């Protein structure tokens, strides 16, 4: 996963073991201001070996007035 989060973003990588009925964070990161370069982040999913899982990535954007919205147009992350 390559990350590039700004101060108003929170990125979560989540896993579900029950067909999406509940989700647990595998990775969470609040933005770090105004990054100048991307950084690679790796997280092991070895704890889920042999299990049928679903993964999702969520990027929460917080407006200056504190309101949150889940919208993304060319957000700064890539999963690979």
PDB file of N, CA and C in Angstrom:
ATOM      1  N   UNK A   1       0.853  -1.156   0.000  1.00  0.00           N
ATOM      2  CA  UNK A   1       0.000   0.000   0.000  1.00  0.00           C
ATOM      3  C   UNK A   1       0.906   1.228   0.000  1.00  0.00           C
ATOM      4  N   UNK A   2       0.638   2.151  -0.859  1.00  0.00           N
ATOM      5  CA  UNK A   2       1.360   3.415  -0.881  1.00  0.00           C
ATOM      6  C   UNK A   2       0.457   4.468  -0.270  1.00  0.00           C
ATOM      7  N   UNK A   3       1.004   5.246   0.643  1.00  0.00           N
ATOM      8  CA  UNK A   3       0.146   6.227   1.312  1.00  0.00           C
ATOM      9  C   UNK A   3       0.624   7.637   1.030  1.00  0.00           C
ATOM     10  N   UNK A   4      -0.319   8.521   1.034  1.00  0.00           N
ATOM     11  CA  UNK A   4      -0.052   9.946   0.898  1.00  0.00           C
ATOM     12  C   UNK A   4      -1.261  10.652   1.492  1.00  0.00           C
ATOM     13  N   UNK A   5      -1.295  10.776   2.805  1.00  0.00           N
ATOM     14  CA  UNK A   5      -2.443  11.365   3.487  1.00  0.00           C
ATOM     15  C   UNK A   5      -2.097  12.758   3.992  1.00  0.00           C
ATOM     16  N   UNK A   6      -3.062  13.643   3.909  1.00  0.00           N
ATOM     17  CA  UNK A   6      -2.886  14.994   4.406  1.00  0.00           C
ATOM     18  C   UNK A   6      -3.540  15.118   5.779  1.00  0.00           C
ATOM     19  N   UNK A   7      -3.413  16.268   6.413  1.00  0.00           N
ATOM     20  CA  UNK A   7      -3.866  16.442   7.792  1.00  0.00           C
ATOM     21  C   UNK A   7      -5.372  16.261   7.966  1.00  0.00           C
ATOM     22  N   UNK A   8      -6.147  16.341   6.921  1.00  0.00           N
ATOM     23  CA  UNK A   8      -7.593  16.188   7.053  1.00  0.00           C
ATOM     24  C   UNK A   8      -8.080  14.800   6.608  1.00  0.00           C
ATOM     25  N   UNK A   9      -7.187  13.855   6.441  1.00  0.00           N
ATOM     26  CA  UNK A   9      -7.562  12.511   6.012  1.00  0.00           C
ATOM     27  C   UNK A   9      -7.198  11.469   7.074  1.00  0.00           C
ATOM     28  N   UNK A  10      -8.029  10.436   7.165  1.00  0.00           N
ATOM     29  CA  UNK A  10      -7.723   9.257   7.982  1.00  0.00           C
ATOM     30  C   UNK A  10      -7.941   8.043   7.090  1.00  0.00           C
ATOM     31  N   UNK A  11      -6.911   7.239   6.955  1.00  0.00           N
ATOM     32  CA  UNK A  11      -6.963   6.045   6.119  1.00  0.00           C
ATOM     33  C   UNK A  11      -7.085   4.819   7.015  1.00  0.00           C
ATOM     34  N   UNK A  12      -8.025   3.928   6.676  1.00  0.00           N
ATOM     35  CA  UNK A  12      -8.205   2.678   7.404  1.00  0.00           C
ATOM     36  C   UNK A  12      -8.227   1.520   6.417  1.00  0.00           C
ATOM     37  N   UNK A  13      -7.452   0.485   6.699  1.00  0.00           N
ATOM     38  CA  UNK A  13      -7.542  -0.778   5.990  1.00  0.00           C
ATOM     39  C   UNK A  13      -8.225  -1.727   6.951  1.00  0.00           C
ATOM     40  N   UNK A  14      -9.346  -2.300   6.520  1.00  0.00           N
ATOM     41  CA  UNK A  14     -10.149  -3.117   7.409  1.00  0.00           C
ATOM     42  C   UNK A  14     -10.354  -4.511   6.841  1.00  0.00           C
ATOM     43  N   UNK A  15     -10.588  -5.473   7.743  1.00  0.00           N
ATOM     44  CA  UNK A  15     -10.821  -6.859   7.366  1.00  0.00           C
ATOM     45  C   UNK A  15     -12.123  -7.333   8.009  1.00  0.00           C
ATOM     46  N   UNK A  16     -12.834  -8.177   7.268  1.00  0.00           N
ATOM     47  CA  UNK A  16     -14.049  -8.800   7.780  1.00  0.00           C
ATOM     48  C   UNK A  16     -13.925 -10.311   7.620  1.00  0.00           C
ATOM     49  N   UNK A  17     -14.274 -11.029   8.680  1.00  0.00           N
ATOM     50  CA  UNK A  17     -14.280 -12.491   8.627  1.00  0.00           C
ATOM     51  C   UNK A  17     -15.703 -13.042   8.553  1.00  0.00           C
ATOM     52  N   UNK A  18     -16.701 -12.147   8.526  1.00  0.00           N
ATOM     53  CA  UNK A  18     -18.098 -12.595   8.540  1.00  0.00           C
ATOM     54  C   UNK A  18     -18.914 -11.994   7.396  1.00  0.00           C
ATOM     55  N   UNK A  19     -18.334 -12.020   6.217  1.00  0.00           N
ATOM     56  CA  UNK A  19     -19.011 -11.559   4.994  1.00  0.00           C
ATOM     57  C   UNK A  19     -19.415 -10.093   5.037  1.00  0.00           C
ATOM     58  N   UNK A  20     -18.663  -9.284   5.754  1.00  0.00           N
ATOM     59  CA  UNK A  20     -18.921  -7.854   5.770  1.00  0.00           C
ATOM     60  C   UNK A  20     -19.898  -7.382   6.821  1.00  0.00           C
ATOM     61  N   UNK A  21     -20.325  -8.258   7.724  1.00  0.00           N
ATOM     62  CA  UNK A  21     -21.240  -7.830   8.791  1.00  0.00           C
ATOM     63  C   UNK A  21     -20.528  -6.981   9.837  1.00  0.00           C
ATOM     64  N   UNK A  22     -19.260  -7.243  10.067  1.00  0.00           N
ATOM     65  CA  UNK A  22     -18.466  -6.427  10.980  1.00  0.00           C
ATOM     66  C   UNK A  22     -17.064  -6.283  10.410  1.00  0.00           C
ATOM     67  N   UNK A  23     -16.391  -5.206  10.802  1.00  0.00           N
ATOM     68  CA  UNK A  23     -15.073  -4.881  10.264  1.00  0.00           C
ATOM     69  C   UNK A  23     -14.119  -4.546  11.394  1.00  0.00           C
ATOM     70  N   UNK A  24     -12.862  -4.943  11.244  1.00  0.00           N
ATOM     71  CA  UNK A  24     -11.805  -4.626  12.208  1.00  0.00           C
ATOM     72  C   UNK A  24     -10.672  -3.918  11.481  1.00  0.00           C
ATOM     73  N   UNK A  25     -10.112  -2.908  12.130  1.00  0.00           N
ATOM     74  CA  UNK A  25      -8.988  -2.189  11.536  1.00  0.00           C
ATOM     75  C   UNK A  25      -7.727  -3.047  11.558  1.00  0.00           C
ATOM     76  N   UNK A  26      -7.082  -3.153  10.401  1.00  0.00           N
ATOM     77  CA  UNK A  26      -5.772  -3.792  10.297  1.00  0.00           C
ATOM     78  C   UNK A  26      -4.707  -2.704  10.306  1.00  0.00           C
ATOM     79  N   UNK A  27      -5.064  -1.539   9.781  1.00  0.00           N
ATOM     80  CA  UNK A  27      -4.143  -0.419   9.702  1.00  0.00           C
ATOM     81  C   UNK A  27      -4.952   0.870   9.740  1.00  0.00           C
ATOM     82  N   UNK A  28      -4.521   1.817  10.543  1.00  0.00           N
ATOM     83  CA  UNK A  28      -5.158   3.130  10.624  1.00  0.00           C
ATOM     84  C   UNK A  28      -4.064   4.186  10.677  1.00  0.00           C
ATOM     85  N   UNK A  29      -4.261   5.248   9.917  1.00  0.00           N
ATOM     86  CA  UNK A  29      -3.300   6.349   9.957  1.00  0.00           C
ATOM     87  C   UNK A  29      -3.999   7.674   9.702  1.00  0.00           C
ATOM     88  N   UNK A  30      -3.794   8.593  10.618  1.00  0.00           N
ATOM     89  CA  UNK A  30      -4.257   9.957  10.394  1.00  0.00           C
ATOM     90  C   UNK A  30      -3.210  10.671   9.560  1.00  0.00           C
ATOM     91  N   UNK A  31      -3.644  11.599   8.754  1.00  0.00           N
ATOM     92  CA  UNK A  31      -2.731  12.332   7.895  1.00  0.00           C
ATOM     93  C   UNK A  31      -1.680  13.099   8.674  1.00  0.00           C
ATOM     94  N   UNK A  32      -0.598  13.401   7.997  1.00  0.00           N
ATOM     95  CA  UNK A  32       0.559  14.005   8.654  1.00  0.00           C
ATOM     96  C   UNK A  32       0.875  15.385   8.104  1.00  0.00           C
ATOM     97  N   UNK A  33      -0.128  16.161   7.816  1.00  0.00           N
ATOM     98  CA  UNK A  33       0.147  17.517   7.325  1.00  0.00           C
ATOM     99  C   UNK A  33       0.232  17.566   5.820  1.00  0.00           C
ATOM    100  N   UNK A  34       1.325  18.040   5.305  1.00  0.00           N
ATOM    101  CA  UNK A  34       1.491  18.193   3.869  1.00  0.00           C
ATOM    102  C   UNK A  34       2.686  17.355   3.418  1.00  0.00           C
ATOM    103  N   UNK A  35       2.498  16.052   3.254  1.00  0.00           N
ATOM    104  CA  UNK A  35       3.632  15.209   2.869  1.00  0.00           C
ATOM    105  C   UNK A  35       4.152  15.575   1.492  1.00  0.00           C
ATOM    106  N   UNK A  36       5.443  15.372   1.302  1.00  0.00           N
ATOM    107  CA  UNK A  36       6.047  15.728   0.026  1.00  0.00           C
ATOM    108  C   UNK A  36       6.375  14.502  -0.818  1.00  0.00           C
ATOM    109  N   UNK A  37       6.279  13.321  -0.231  1.00  0.00           N
ATOM    110  CA  UNK A  37       6.589  12.107  -0.977  1.00  0.00           C
ATOM    111  C   UNK A  37       5.733  10.959  -0.461  1.00  0.00           C
ATOM    112  N   UNK A  38       5.445  10.014  -1.339  1.00  0.00           N
ATOM    113  CA  UNK A  38       4.698   8.838  -0.910  1.00  0.00           C
ATOM    114  C   UNK A  38       5.615   7.918  -0.114  1.00  0.00           C
ATOM    115  N   UNK A  39       4.994   7.087   0.705  1.00  0.00           N
ATOM    116  CA  UNK A  39       5.731   6.107   1.476  1.00  0.00           C
ATOM    117  C   UNK A  39       5.005   4.774   1.366  1.00  0.00           C
ATOM    118  N   UNK A  40       5.769   3.696   1.249  1.00  0.00           N
ATOM    119  CA  UNK A  40       5.174   2.360   1.203  1.00  0.00           C
ATOM    120  C   UNK A  40       4.948   1.858   2.616  1.00  0.00           C
ATOM    121  N   UNK A  41       3.798   1.231   2.825  1.00  0.00           N
ATOM    122  CA  UNK A  41       3.431   0.657   4.108  1.00  0.00           C
ATOM    123  C   UNK A  41       3.022  -0.779   3.852  1.00  0.00           C
ATOM    124  N   UNK A  42       3.519  -1.700   4.655  1.00  0.00           N
ATOM    125  CA  UNK A  42       3.135  -3.105   4.529  1.00  0.00           C
ATOM    126  C   UNK A  42       2.550  -3.581   5.838  1.00  0.00           C
ATOM    127  N   UNK A  43       1.493  -4.371   5.762  1.00  0.00           N
ATOM    128  CA  UNK A  43       0.879  -4.987   6.931  1.00  0.00           C
ATOM    129  C   UNK A  43       0.667  -6.453   6.637  1.00  0.00           C
ATOM    130  N   UNK A  44       0.993  -7.283   7.589  1.00  0.00           N
ATOM    131  CA  UNK A  44       0.834  -8.723   7.431  1.00  0.00           C
ATOM    132  C   UNK A  44      -0.621  -9.130   7.677  1.00  0.00           C
ATOM    133  N   UNK A  45      -1.085 -10.038   6.853  1.00  0.00           N
ATOM    134  CA  UNK A  45      -2.412 -10.633   7.060  1.00  0.00           C
ATOM    135  C   UNK A  45      -2.268 -12.096   7.458  1.00  0.00           C
ATOM    136  N   UNK A  46      -1.081 -12.466   7.965  1.00  0.00           N
ATOM    137  CA  UNK A  46      -0.802 -13.853   8.350  1.00  0.00           C
ATOM    138  C   UNK A  46      -1.796 -14.369   9.394  1.00  0.00           C
ATOM    139  N   UNK A  47      -2.316 -13.484  10.225  1.00  0.00           N
ATOM    140  CA  UNK A  47      -3.274 -13.895  11.251  1.00  0.00           C
ATOM    141  C   UNK A  47      -4.561 -14.448  10.640  1.00  0.00           C
ATOM    142  N   UNK A  48      -4.787 -14.166   9.379  1.00  0.00           N
ATOM    143  CA  UNK A  48      -6.010 -14.604   8.703  1.00  0.00           C
ATOM    144  C   UNK A  48      -5.748 -15.737   7.713  1.00  0.00           C
ATOM    145  N   UNK A  49      -4.571 -16.333   7.774  1.00  0.00           N
ATOM    146  CA  UNK A  49      -4.212 -17.422   6.849  1.00  0.00           C
ATOM    147  C   UNK A  49      -5.233 -18.548   6.946  1.00  0.00           C
ATOM    148  N   UNK A  50      -5.721 -18.975   5.798  1.00  0.00           N
ATOM    149  CA  UNK A  50      -6.693 -20.067   5.743  1.00  0.00           C
ATOM    150  C   UNK A  50      -8.129 -19.628   5.938  1.00  0.00           C
ATOM    151  N   UNK A  51      -8.344 -18.386   6.302  1.00  0.00           N
ATOM    152  CA  UNK A  51      -9.699 -17.875   6.523  1.00  0.00           C
ATOM    153  C   UNK A  51     -10.206 -17.175   5.264  1.00  0.00           C
ATOM    154  N   UNK A  52     -11.505 -17.204   5.072  1.00  0.00           N
ATOM    155  CA  UNK A  52     -12.126 -16.447   3.990  1.00  0.00           C
ATOM    156  C   UNK A  52     -12.386 -15.040   4.531  1.00  0.00           C
ATOM    157  N   UNK A  53     -11.701 -14.035   3.968  1.00  0.00           N
ATOM    158  CA  UNK A  53     -11.830 -12.665   4.464  1.00  0.00           C
ATOM    159  C   UNK A  53     -12.170 -11.716   3.326  1.00  0.00           C
ATOM    160  N   UNK A  54     -12.643 -10.546   3.723  1.00  0.00           N
ATOM    161  CA  UNK A  54     -12.848  -9.442   2.802  1.00  0.00           C
ATOM    162  C   UNK A  54     -12.006  -8.279   3.310  1.00  0.00           C
ATOM    163  N   UNK A  55     -11.455  -7.503   2.398  1.00  0.00           N
ATOM    164  CA  UNK A  55     -10.690  -6.314   2.743  1.00  0.00           C
ATOM    165  C   UNK A  55     -11.369  -5.086   2.164  1.00  0.00           C
ATOM    166  N   UNK A  56     -11.267  -3.997   2.891  1.00  0.00           N
ATOM    167  CA  UNK A  56     -11.727  -2.717   2.339  1.00  0.00           C
ATOM    168  C   UNK A  56     -10.815  -1.615   2.843  1.00  0.00           C
ATOM    169  N   UNK A  57     -10.694  -0.594   2.053  1.00  0.00           N
ATOM    170  CA  UNK A  57      -9.937   0.597   2.426  1.00  0.00           C
ATOM    171  C   UNK A  57     -10.921   1.750   2.500  1.00  0.00           C
ATOM    172  N   UNK A  58     -10.851   2.498   3.575  1.00  0.00           N
ATOM    173  CA  UNK A  58     -11.732   3.651   3.771  1.00  0.00           C
ATOM    174  C   UNK A  58     -10.877   4.886   3.995  1.00  0.00           C
ATOM    175  N   UNK A  59     -11.192   5.935   3.308  1.00  0.00           N
ATOM    176  CA  UNK A  59     -10.521   7.207   3.501  1.00  0.00           C
ATOM    177  C   UNK A  59     -11.576   8.198   3.960  1.00  0.00           C
ATOM    178  N   UNK A  60     -11.439   8.695   5.178  1.00  0.00           N
ATOM    179  CA  UNK A  60     -12.364   9.675   5.725  1.00  0.00           C
ATOM    180  C   UNK A  60     -11.733  11.046   5.604  1.00  0.00           C
ATOM    181  N   UNK A  61     -12.466  11.963   5.027  1.00  0.00           N
ATOM    182  CA  UNK A  61     -12.002  13.337   4.863  1.00  0.00           C
ATOM    183  C   UNK A  61     -12.778  14.220   5.832  1.00  0.00           C
ATOM    184  N   UNK A  62     -12.077  15.066   6.570  1.00  0.00           N
ATOM    185  CA  UNK A  62     -12.716  15.954   7.528  1.00  0.00           C
ATOM    186  C   UNK A  62     -12.583  17.389   7.030  1.00  0.00           C
ATOM    187  N   UNK A  63     -13.702  18.056   6.923  1.00  0.00           N
ATOM    188  CA  UNK A  63     -13.702  19.443   6.466  1.00  0.00           C
ATOM    189  C   UNK A  63     -13.176  20.353   7.575  1.00  0.00           C
ATOM    190  N   UNK A  64     -12.839  21.568   7.224  1.00  0.00           N
ATOM    191  CA  UNK A  64     -12.295  22.518   8.185  1.00  0.00           C
ATOM    192  C   UNK A  64     -13.249  22.765   9.354  1.00  0.00           C
ATOM    193  N   UNK A  65     -14.561  22.660   9.120  1.00  0.00           N
ATOM    194  CA  UNK A  65     -15.524  22.903  10.189  1.00  0.00           C
ATOM    195  C   UNK A  65     -15.748  21.670  11.063  1.00  0.00           C
ATOM    196  N   UNK A  66     -14.988  20.602  10.822  1.00  0.00           N
ATOM    197  CA  UNK A  66     -15.080  19.407  11.657  1.00  0.00           C
ATOM    198  C   UNK A  66     -16.036  18.357  11.141  1.00  0.00           C
ATOM    199  N   UNK A  67     -16.821  18.660  10.123  1.00  0.00           N
ATOM    200  CA  UNK A  67     -17.727  17.675   9.560  1.00  0.00           C
ATOM    201  C   UNK A  67     -16.948  16.644   8.761  1.00  0.00           C
ATOM    202  N   UNK A  68     -17.376  15.401   8.818  1.00  0.00           N
ATOM    203  CA  UNK A  68     -16.718  14.345   8.050  1.00  0.00           C
ATOM    204  C   UNK A  68     -17.599  13.940   6.890  1.00  0.00           C
ATOM    205  N   UNK A  69     -16.966  13.553   5.828  1.00  0.00           N
ATOM    206  CA  UNK A  69     -17.692  13.009   4.695  1.00  0.00           C
ATOM    207  C   UNK A  69     -16.810  11.973   4.030  1.00  0.00           C
ATOM    208  N   UNK A  70     -17.431  10.979   3.451  1.00  0.00           N
ATOM    209  CA  UNK A  70     -16.691   9.919   2.772  1.00  0.00           C
ATOM    210  C   UNK A  70     -16.819  10.141   1.279  1.00  0.00           C
ATOM    211  N   UNK A  71     -15.938  10.898   0.726  1.00  0.00           N
ATOM    212  CA  UNK A  71     -15.929  11.176  -0.702  1.00  0.00           C
ATOM    213  C   UNK A  71     -14.484  11.142  -1.165  1.00  0.00           C
ATOM    214  N   UNK A  72     -14.292  10.680  -2.367  1.00  0.00           N
ATOM    215  CA  UNK A  72     -12.919  10.556  -2.825  1.00  0.00           C
ATOM    216  C   UNK A  72     -12.841  10.814  -4.318  1.00  0.00           C
ATOM    217  N   UNK A  73     -12.052  11.771  -4.694  1.00  0.00           N
ATOM    218  CA  UNK A  73     -11.776  12.033  -6.092  1.00  0.00           C
ATOM    219  C   UNK A  73     -10.258  12.175  -6.201  1.00  0.00           C
ATOM    220  N   UNK A  74      -9.617  11.105  -6.628  1.00  0.00           N
ATOM    221  CA  UNK A  74      -8.162  11.072  -6.691  1.00  0.00           C
ATOM    222  C   UNK A  74      -7.529  11.250  -5.313  1.00  0.00           C
ATOM    223  N   UNK A  75      -8.044  10.481  -4.335  1.00  0.00           N
ATOM    224  CA  UNK A  75      -7.503  10.519  -2.961  1.00  0.00           C
ATOM    225  C   UNK A  75      -6.072  10.007  -2.973  1.00  0.00           C
ATOM    226  N   UNK A  76      -5.286  10.241  -2.028  1.00  0.00           N
ATOM    227  CA  UNK A  76      -3.886   9.899  -2.128  1.00  0.00           C
ATOM    228  C   UNK A  76      -3.477   8.550  -1.610  1.00  0.00           C
ATOM    229  N   UNK A  77      -4.029   7.438  -2.103  1.00  0.00           N
ATOM    230  CA  UNK A  77      -3.565   6.123  -1.685  1.00  0.00           C
ATOM    231  C   UNK A  77      -3.791   5.103  -2.778  1.00  0.00           C
ATOM    232  N   UNK A  78      -2.994   4.047  -2.725  1.00  0.00           N
ATOM    233  CA  UNK A  78      -3.084   2.981  -3.717  1.00  0.00           C
ATOM    234  C   UNK A  78      -2.792   1.655  -3.018  1.00  0.00           C
ATOM    235  N   UNK A  79      -3.625   0.670  -3.251  1.00  0.00           N
ATOM    236  CA  UNK A  79      -3.398  -0.670  -2.720  1.00  0.00           C
ATOM    237  C   UNK A  79      -2.846  -1.536  -3.831  1.00  0.00           C
ATOM    238  N   UNK A  80      -1.876  -2.334  -3.496  1.00  0.00           N
ATOM    239  CA  UNK A  80      -1.341  -3.246  -4.504  1.00  0.00           C
ATOM    240  C   UNK A  80      -0.889  -4.537  -3.852  1.00  0.00           C
TER     241      UNK A  80
END
